[in-house]
Amino acid sequence: MAEAYELVFTRDPGQGEQDVVTVRPTGATGPGGHPVYTDASGAIRAEISDRGEVRMLATTGHQDLQLPTAVRALPR
């Protein structure tokens, strides 16, 4: 399990603008059996496999989940 990941989201594909969010482990396991990570605000939750596969997890009932365009493991 990585200490933290950066999730990169592309805001406007035509503009190339990106949002980068750092997520850290919660200690929980997601529906696929992999560790769940969250950002500091708790608004973004993601299950991330050891191969870098991401499953976004809803934190509210009406959240529009988007997959990140890149996932980067941060060094310890």
PDB file of N, CA and C in Angstrom:
ATOM      1  N   MET A   1       0.850  -1.178   0.000  1.00  0.00           N
ATOM      2  CA  MET A   1       0.000   0.000   0.000  1.00  0.00           C
ATOM      3  C   MET A   1       0.897   1.242   0.000  1.00  0.00           C
ATOM      4  N   ALA A   2       0.592   2.151  -0.883  1.00  0.00           N
ATOM      5  CA  ALA A   2       1.351   3.404  -0.961  1.00  0.00           C
ATOM      6  C   ALA A   2       0.955   4.326   0.182  1.00  0.00           C
ATOM      7  N   GLU A   3       1.888   5.169   0.582  1.00  0.00           N
ATOM      8  CA  GLU A   3       1.626   6.156   1.634  1.00  0.00           C
ATOM      9  C   GLU A   3       0.624   7.203   1.175  1.00  0.00           C
ATOM     10  N   ALA A   4       0.688   7.547  -0.123  1.00  0.00           N
ATOM     11  CA  ALA A   4      -0.233   8.539  -0.683  1.00  0.00           C
ATOM     12  C   ALA A   4      -0.182   8.453  -2.203  1.00  0.00           C
ATOM     13  N   TYR A   5      -1.237   8.960  -2.827  1.00  0.00           N
ATOM     14  CA  TYR A   5      -1.324   9.043  -4.280  1.00  0.00           C
ATOM     15  C   TYR A   5      -1.746  10.446  -4.671  1.00  0.00           C
ATOM     16  N   GLU A   6      -1.370  10.849  -5.860  1.00  0.00           N
ATOM     17  CA  GLU A   6      -1.928  12.041  -6.487  1.00  0.00           C
ATOM     18  C   GLU A   6      -2.904  11.570  -7.550  1.00  0.00           C
ATOM     19  N   LEU A   7      -4.120  12.088  -7.492  1.00  0.00           N
ATOM     20  CA  LEU A   7      -5.121  11.828  -8.522  1.00  0.00           C
ATOM     21  C   LEU A   7      -5.198  13.077  -9.378  1.00  0.00           C
ATOM     22  N   VAL A   8      -5.055  12.913 -10.681  1.00  0.00           N
ATOM     23  CA  VAL A   8      -5.060  14.041 -11.613  1.00  0.00           C
ATOM     24  C   VAL A   8      -6.370  14.013 -12.387  1.00  0.00           C
ATOM     25  N   PHE A   9      -7.115  15.100 -12.304  1.00  0.00           N
ATOM     26  CA  PHE A   9      -8.380  15.247 -13.017  1.00  0.00           C
ATOM     27  C   PHE A   9      -8.239  16.360 -14.041  1.00  0.00           C
ATOM     28  N   THR A  10      -8.665  16.109 -15.277  1.00  0.00           N
ATOM     29  CA  THR A  10      -8.616  17.132 -16.315  1.00  0.00           C
ATOM     30  C   THR A  10      -9.932  17.900 -16.276  1.00  0.00           C
ATOM     31  N   ARG A  11      -9.844  19.197 -16.025  1.00  0.00           N
ATOM     32  CA  ARG A  11     -11.049  20.045 -15.927  1.00  0.00           C
ATOM     33  C   ARG A  11     -11.691  20.271 -17.276  1.00  0.00           C
ATOM     34  N   ASP A  12     -10.910  20.724 -18.227  1.00  0.00           N
ATOM     35  CA  ASP A  12     -11.422  21.042 -19.559  1.00  0.00           C
ATOM     36  C   ASP A  12     -10.453  20.438 -20.566  1.00  0.00           C
ATOM     37  N   PRO A  13     -10.823  19.291 -21.168  1.00  0.00           N
ATOM     38  CA  PRO A  13      -9.893  18.612 -22.059  1.00  0.00           C
ATOM     39  C   PRO A  13      -9.323  19.511 -23.159  1.00  0.00           C
ATOM     40  N   GLY A  14     -10.080  20.473 -23.644  1.00  0.00           N
ATOM     41  CA  GLY A  14      -9.595  21.367 -24.680  1.00  0.00           C
ATOM     42  C   GLY A  14      -8.554  22.354 -24.183  1.00  0.00           C
ATOM     43  N   GLN A  15      -8.574  22.649 -22.889  1.00  0.00           N
ATOM     44  CA  GLN A  15      -7.666  23.633 -22.305  1.00  0.00           C
ATOM     45  C   GLN A  15      -6.451  22.993 -21.635  1.00  0.00           C
ATOM     46  N   GLY A  16      -6.554  21.710 -21.308  1.00  0.00           N
ATOM     47  CA  GLY A  16      -5.448  21.033 -20.645  1.00  0.00           C
ATOM     48  C   GLY A  16      -5.297  21.384 -19.176  1.00  0.00           C
ATOM     49  N   GLU A  17      -6.287  22.065 -18.596  1.00  0.00           N
ATOM     50  CA  GLU A  17      -6.218  22.431 -17.177  1.00  0.00           C
ATOM     51  C   GLU A  17      -6.467  21.196 -16.321  1.00  0.00           C
ATOM     52  N   GLN A  18      -5.692  21.076 -15.241  1.00  0.00           N
ATOM     53  CA  GLN A  18      -5.794  19.910 -14.386  1.00  0.00           C
ATOM     54  C   GLN A  18      -5.944  20.295 -12.926  1.00  0.00           C
ATOM     55  N   ASP A  19      -6.655  19.443 -12.200  1.00  0.00           N
ATOM     56  CA  ASP A  19      -6.712  19.527 -10.745  1.00  0.00           C
ATOM     57  C   ASP A  19      -5.963  18.313 -10.221  1.00  0.00           C
ATOM     58  N   VAL A  20      -5.094  18.517  -9.252  1.00  0.00           N
ATOM     59  CA  VAL A  20      -4.345  17.423  -8.645  1.00  0.00           C
ATOM     60  C   VAL A  20      -4.743  17.343  -7.178  1.00  0.00           C
ATOM     61  N   VAL A  21      -5.180  16.153  -6.760  1.00  0.00           N
ATOM     62  CA  VAL A  21      -5.647  15.939  -5.393  1.00  0.00           C
ATOM     63  C   VAL A  21      -4.793  14.840  -4.763  1.00  0.00           C
ATOM     64  N   THR A  22      -4.272  15.086  -3.569  1.00  0.00           N
ATOM     65  CA  THR A  22      -3.505  14.074  -2.842  1.00  0.00           C
ATOM     66  C   THR A  22      -4.448  13.313  -1.926  1.00  0.00           C
ATOM     67  N   VAL A  23      -4.373  11.991  -1.999  1.00  0.00           N
ATOM     68  CA  VAL A  23      -5.201  11.137  -1.140  1.00  0.00           C
ATOM     69  C   VAL A  23      -4.293  10.240  -0.310  1.00  0.00           C
ATOM     70  N   ARG A  24      -4.753   9.956   0.910  1.00  0.00           N
ATOM     71  CA  ARG A  24      -3.993   9.121   1.851  1.00  0.00           C
ATOM     72  C   ARG A  24      -4.891   7.975   2.332  1.00  0.00           C
ATOM     73  N   PRO A  25      -4.289   6.877   2.789  1.00  0.00           N
ATOM     74  CA  PRO A  25      -5.088   5.715   3.197  1.00  0.00           C
ATOM     75  C   PRO A  25      -5.972   5.996   4.408  1.00  0.00           C
ATOM     76  N   THR A  26      -7.161   5.373   4.371  1.00  0.00           N
ATOM     77  CA  THR A  26      -8.106   5.525   5.473  1.00  0.00           C
ATOM     78  C   THR A  26      -8.052   4.359   6.448  1.00  0.00           C
ATOM     79  N   GLY A  27      -7.476   3.247   6.004  1.00  0.00           N
ATOM     80  CA  GLY A  27      -7.499   2.036   6.819  1.00  0.00           C
ATOM     81  C   GLY A  27      -8.666   1.137   6.452  1.00  0.00           C
ATOM     82  N   ALA A  28      -9.580   1.647   5.630  1.00  0.00           N
ATOM     83  CA  ALA A  28     -10.736   0.872   5.185  1.00  0.00           C
ATOM     84  C   ALA A  28     -10.412   0.133   3.887  1.00  0.00           C
ATOM     85  N   THR A  29     -11.218  -0.869   3.605  1.00  0.00           N
ATOM     86  CA  THR A  29     -11.104  -1.624   2.363  1.00  0.00           C
ATOM     87  C   THR A  29     -12.364  -1.385   1.547  1.00  0.00           C
ATOM     88  N   GLY A  30     -12.194  -1.198   0.241  1.00  0.00           N
ATOM     89  CA  GLY A  30     -13.321  -0.932  -0.639  1.00  0.00           C
ATOM     90  C   GLY A  30     -14.005  -2.198  -1.112  1.00  0.00           C
ATOM     91  N   PRO A  31     -15.035  -2.064  -1.951  1.00  0.00           N
ATOM     92  CA  PRO A  31     -15.802  -3.206  -2.427  1.00  0.00           C
ATOM     93  C   PRO A  31     -14.985  -4.200  -3.251  1.00  0.00           C
ATOM     94  N   GLY A  32     -13.878  -3.761  -3.832  1.00  0.00           N
ATOM     95  CA  GLY A  32     -13.018  -4.649  -4.604  1.00  0.00           C
ATOM     96  C   GLY A  32     -11.928  -5.299  -3.770  1.00  0.00           C
ATOM     97  N   GLY A  33     -11.903  -4.985  -2.458  1.00  0.00           N
ATOM     98  CA  GLY A  33     -10.921  -5.572  -1.562  1.00  0.00           C
ATOM     99  C   GLY A  33      -9.610  -4.815  -1.477  1.00  0.00           C
ATOM    100  N   HIS A  34      -9.552  -3.619  -2.073  1.00  0.00           N
ATOM    101  CA  HIS A  34      -8.332  -2.815  -2.065  1.00  0.00           C
ATOM    102  C   HIS A  34      -8.464  -1.657  -1.085  1.00  0.00           C
ATOM    103  N   PRO A  35      -7.341  -1.066  -0.678  1.00  0.00           N
ATOM    104  CA  PRO A  35      -7.383   0.043   0.281  1.00  0.00           C
ATOM    105  C   PRO A  35      -8.148   1.259  -0.253  1.00  0.00           C
ATOM    106  N   VAL A  36      -8.832   1.944   0.655  1.00  0.00           N
ATOM    107  CA  VAL A  36      -9.559   3.173   0.329  1.00  0.00           C
ATOM    108  C   VAL A  36      -8.703   4.357   0.771  1.00  0.00           C
ATOM    109  N   TYR A  37      -8.625   5.350  -0.100  1.00  0.00           N
ATOM    110  CA  TYR A  37      -7.862   6.571   0.149  1.00  0.00           C
ATOM    111  C   TYR A  37      -8.821   7.752   0.107  1.00  0.00           C
ATOM    112  N   THR A  38      -8.508   8.817   0.852  1.00  0.00           N
ATOM    113  CA  THR A  38      -9.338  10.015   0.850  1.00  0.00           C
ATOM    114  C   THR A  38      -8.463  11.258   0.891  1.00  0.00           C
ATOM    115  N   ASP A  39      -9.031  12.375   0.419  1.00  0.00           N
ATOM    116  CA  ASP A  39      -8.311  13.645   0.504  1.00  0.00           C
ATOM    117  C   ASP A  39      -8.535  14.240   1.884  1.00  0.00           C
ATOM    118  N   ALA A  40      -7.887  15.355   2.172  1.00  0.00           N
ATOM    119  CA  ALA A  40      -7.955  15.976   3.501  1.00  0.00           C
ATOM    120  C   ALA A  40      -9.367  16.399   3.881  1.00  0.00           C
ATOM    121  N   SER A  41     -10.186  16.778   2.894  1.00  0.00           N
ATOM    122  CA  SER A  41     -11.546  17.234   3.191  1.00  0.00           C
ATOM    123  C   SER A  41     -12.526  16.075   3.354  1.00  0.00           C
ATOM    124  N   GLY A  42     -12.165  14.895   2.878  1.00  0.00           N
ATOM    125  CA  GLY A  42     -13.069  13.744   2.922  1.00  0.00           C
ATOM    126  C   GLY A  42     -14.050  13.710   1.769  1.00  0.00           C
ATOM    127  N   ALA A  43     -13.989  14.696   0.876  1.00  0.00           N
ATOM    128  CA  ALA A  43     -14.930  14.767  -0.246  1.00  0.00           C
ATOM    129  C   ALA A  43     -14.591  13.781  -1.357  1.00  0.00           C
ATOM    130  N   ILE A  44     -13.317  13.440  -1.492  1.00  0.00           N
ATOM    131  CA  ILE A  44     -12.893  12.516  -2.542  1.00  0.00           C
ATOM    132  C   ILE A  44     -12.408  11.238  -1.886  1.00  0.00           C
ATOM    133  N   ARG A  45     -13.028  10.121  -2.282  1.00  0.00           N
ATOM    134  CA  ARG A  45     -12.635   8.798  -1.800  1.00  0.00           C
ATOM    135  C   ARG A  45     -12.412   7.902  -3.002  1.00  0.00           C
ATOM    136  N   ALA A  46     -11.339   7.121  -2.948  1.00  0.00           N
ATOM    137  CA  ALA A  46     -11.014   6.241  -4.061  1.00  0.00           C
ATOM    138  C   ALA A  46     -10.433   4.934  -3.537  1.00  0.00           C
ATOM    139  N   GLU A  47     -10.861   3.851  -4.143  1.00  0.00           N
ATOM    140  CA  GLU A  47     -10.259   2.552  -3.890  1.00  0.00           C
ATOM    141  C   GLU A  47      -9.164   2.381  -4.942  1.00  0.00           C
ATOM    142  N   ILE A  48      -7.936   2.112  -4.505  1.00  0.00           N
ATOM    143  CA  ILE A  48      -6.817   2.029  -5.436  1.00  0.00           C
ATOM    144  C   ILE A  48      -6.122   0.685  -5.254  1.00  0.00           C
ATOM    145  N   SER A  49      -6.012  -0.064  -6.362  1.00  0.00           N
ATOM    146  CA  SER A  49      -5.363  -1.374  -6.311  1.00  0.00           C
ATOM    147  C   SER A  49      -3.848  -1.206  -6.345  1.00  0.00           C
ATOM    148  N   ASP A  50      -3.135  -2.296  -6.092  1.00  0.00           N
ATOM    149  CA  ASP A  50      -1.674  -2.259  -6.135  1.00  0.00           C
ATOM    150  C   ASP A  50      -1.151  -2.066  -7.556  1.00  0.00           C
ATOM    151  N   ARG A  51      -2.023  -2.181  -8.561  1.00  0.00           N
ATOM    152  CA  ARG A  51      -1.642  -1.930  -9.962  1.00  0.00           C
ATOM    153  C   ARG A  51      -2.036  -0.521 -10.409  1.00  0.00           C
ATOM    154  N   GLY A  52      -2.531   0.300  -9.475  1.00  0.00           N
ATOM    155  CA  GLY A  52      -2.898   1.674  -9.802  1.00  0.00           C
ATOM    156  C   GLY A  52      -4.268   1.821 -10.428  1.00  0.00           C
ATOM    157  N   GLU A  53      -5.096   0.786 -10.350  1.00  0.00           N
ATOM    158  CA  GLU A  53      -6.469   0.878 -10.850  1.00  0.00           C
ATOM    159  C   GLU A  53      -7.314   1.610  -9.819  1.00  0.00           C
ATOM    160  N   VAL A  54      -8.145   2.528 -10.281  1.00  0.00           N
ATOM    161  CA  VAL A  54      -8.911   3.382  -9.377  1.00  0.00           C
ATOM    162  C   VAL A  54     -10.406   3.157  -9.541  1.00  0.00           C
ATOM    163  N   ARG A  55     -11.093   3.056  -8.419  1.00  0.00           N
ATOM    164  CA  ARG A  55     -12.562   3.046  -8.383  1.00  0.00           C
ATOM    165  C   ARG A  55     -12.957   4.195  -7.470  1.00  0.00           C
ATOM    166  N   MET A  56     -13.622   5.193  -8.026  1.00  0.00           N
ATOM    167  CA  MET A  56     -14.062   6.327  -7.222  1.00  0.00           C
ATOM    168  C   MET A  56     -15.272   5.905  -6.397  1.00  0.00           C
ATOM    169  N   LEU A  57     -15.336   6.361  -5.158  1.00  0.00           N
ATOM    170  CA  LEU A  57     -16.412   6.014  -4.232  1.00  0.00           C
ATOM    171  C   LEU A  57     -17.180   7.275  -3.857  1.00  0.00           C
ATOM    172  N   ALA A  58     -18.484   7.210  -3.953  1.00  0.00           N
ATOM    173  CA  ALA A  58     -19.328   8.370  -3.643  1.00  0.00           C
ATOM    174  C   ALA A  58     -19.266   8.692  -2.155  1.00  0.00           C
ATOM    175  N   THR A  59     -19.246   9.985  -1.853  1.00  0.00           N
ATOM    176  CA  THR A  59     -19.280  10.441  -0.459  1.00  0.00           C
ATOM    177  C   THR A  59     -20.594  11.136  -0.138  1.00  0.00           C
ATOM    178  N   THR A  60     -21.372  11.454  -1.182  1.00  0.00           N
ATOM    179  CA  THR A  60     -22.712  12.034  -1.014  1.00  0.00           C
ATOM    180  C   THR A  60     -23.650  11.362  -2.005  1.00  0.00           C
ATOM    181  N   GLY A  61     -24.940  11.571  -1.811  1.00  0.00           N
ATOM    182  CA  GLY A  61     -25.927  10.920  -2.659  1.00  0.00           C
ATOM    183  C   GLY A  61     -25.989  11.408  -4.087  1.00  0.00           C
ATOM    184  N   HIS A  62     -25.607  12.640  -4.337  1.00  0.00           N
ATOM    185  CA  HIS A  62     -25.749  13.215  -5.677  1.00  0.00           C
ATOM    186  C   HIS A  62     -24.408  13.588  -6.297  1.00  0.00           C
ATOM    187  N   GLN A  63     -23.356  12.908  -5.907  1.00  0.00           N
ATOM    188  CA  GLN A  63     -22.021  13.221  -6.405  1.00  0.00           C
ATOM    189  C   GLN A  63     -21.856  12.696  -7.836  1.00  0.00           C
ATOM    190  N   ASP A  64     -21.262  13.517  -8.702  1.00  0.00           N
ATOM    191  CA  ASP A  64     -20.953  13.134 -10.078  1.00  0.00           C
ATOM    192  C   ASP A  64     -19.503  12.650 -10.101  1.00  0.00           C
ATOM    193  N   LEU A  65     -19.323  11.331 -10.064  1.00  0.00           N
ATOM    194  CA  LEU A  65     -17.975  10.769  -9.970  1.00  0.00           C
ATOM    195  C   LEU A  65     -17.275  10.793 -11.320  1.00  0.00           C
ATOM    196  N   GLN A  66     -16.041  11.247 -11.320  1.00  0.00           N
ATOM    197  CA  GLN A  66     -15.209  11.250 -12.516  1.00  0.00           C
ATOM    198  C   GLN A  66     -13.948  10.475 -12.209  1.00  0.00           C
ATOM    199  N   LEU A  67     -13.497   9.691 -13.192  1.00  0.00           N
ATOM    200  CA  LEU A  67     -12.240   8.978 -13.027  1.00  0.00           C
ATOM    201  C   LEU A  67     -11.076   9.926 -13.271  1.00  0.00           C
ATOM    202  N   PRO A  68     -10.013   9.776 -12.520  1.00  0.00           N
ATOM    203  CA  PRO A  68      -8.835  10.608 -12.778  1.00  0.00           C
ATOM    204  C   PRO A  68      -8.195  10.208 -14.107  1.00  0.00           C
ATOM    205  N   THR A  69      -7.521  11.162 -14.737  1.00  0.00           N
ATOM    206  CA  THR A  69      -6.827  10.875 -15.988  1.00  0.00           C
ATOM    207  C   THR A  69      -5.440  10.298 -15.722  1.00  0.00           C
ATOM    208  N   ALA A  70      -4.946  10.444 -14.491  1.00  0.00           N
ATOM    209  CA  ALA A  70      -3.665   9.864 -14.106  1.00  0.00           C
ATOM    210  C   ALA A  70      -3.655   9.620 -12.601  1.00  0.00           C
ATOM    211  N   VAL A  71      -2.890   8.615 -12.189  1.00  0.00           N
ATOM    212  CA  VAL A  71      -2.709   8.278 -10.785  1.00  0.00           C
ATOM    213  C   VAL A  71      -1.211   8.107 -10.555  1.00  0.00           C
ATOM    214  N   ARG A  72      -0.687   8.830  -9.565  1.00  0.00           N
ATOM    215  CA  ARG A  72       0.753   8.762  -9.287  1.00  0.00           C
ATOM    216  C   ARG A  72       0.982   8.416  -7.826  1.00  0.00           C
ATOM    217  N   ALA A  73       1.718   7.336  -7.592  1.00  0.00           N
ATOM    218  CA  ALA A  73       2.110   6.995  -6.222  1.00  0.00           C
ATOM    219  C   ALA A  73       3.177   7.983  -5.775  1.00  0.00           C
ATOM    220  N   LEU A  74       3.028   8.504  -4.572  1.00  0.00           N
ATOM    221  CA  LEU A  74       4.020   9.440  -4.030  1.00  0.00           C
ATOM    222  C   LEU A  74       5.045   8.663  -3.229  1.00  0.00           C
ATOM    223  N   PRO A  75       6.310   9.079  -3.310  1.00  0.00           N
ATOM    224  CA  PRO A  75       7.349   8.390  -2.536  1.00  0.00           C
ATOM    225  C   PRO A  75       7.128   8.567  -1.036  1.00  0.00           C
ATOM    226  N   ARG A  76       7.560   7.596  -0.295  1.00  0.00           N
ATOM    227  CA  ARG A  76       7.408   7.642   1.165  1.00  0.00           C
ATOM    228  C   ARG A  76       8.366   8.612   1.785  1.00  0.00           C
TER     229      ARG A  76
END
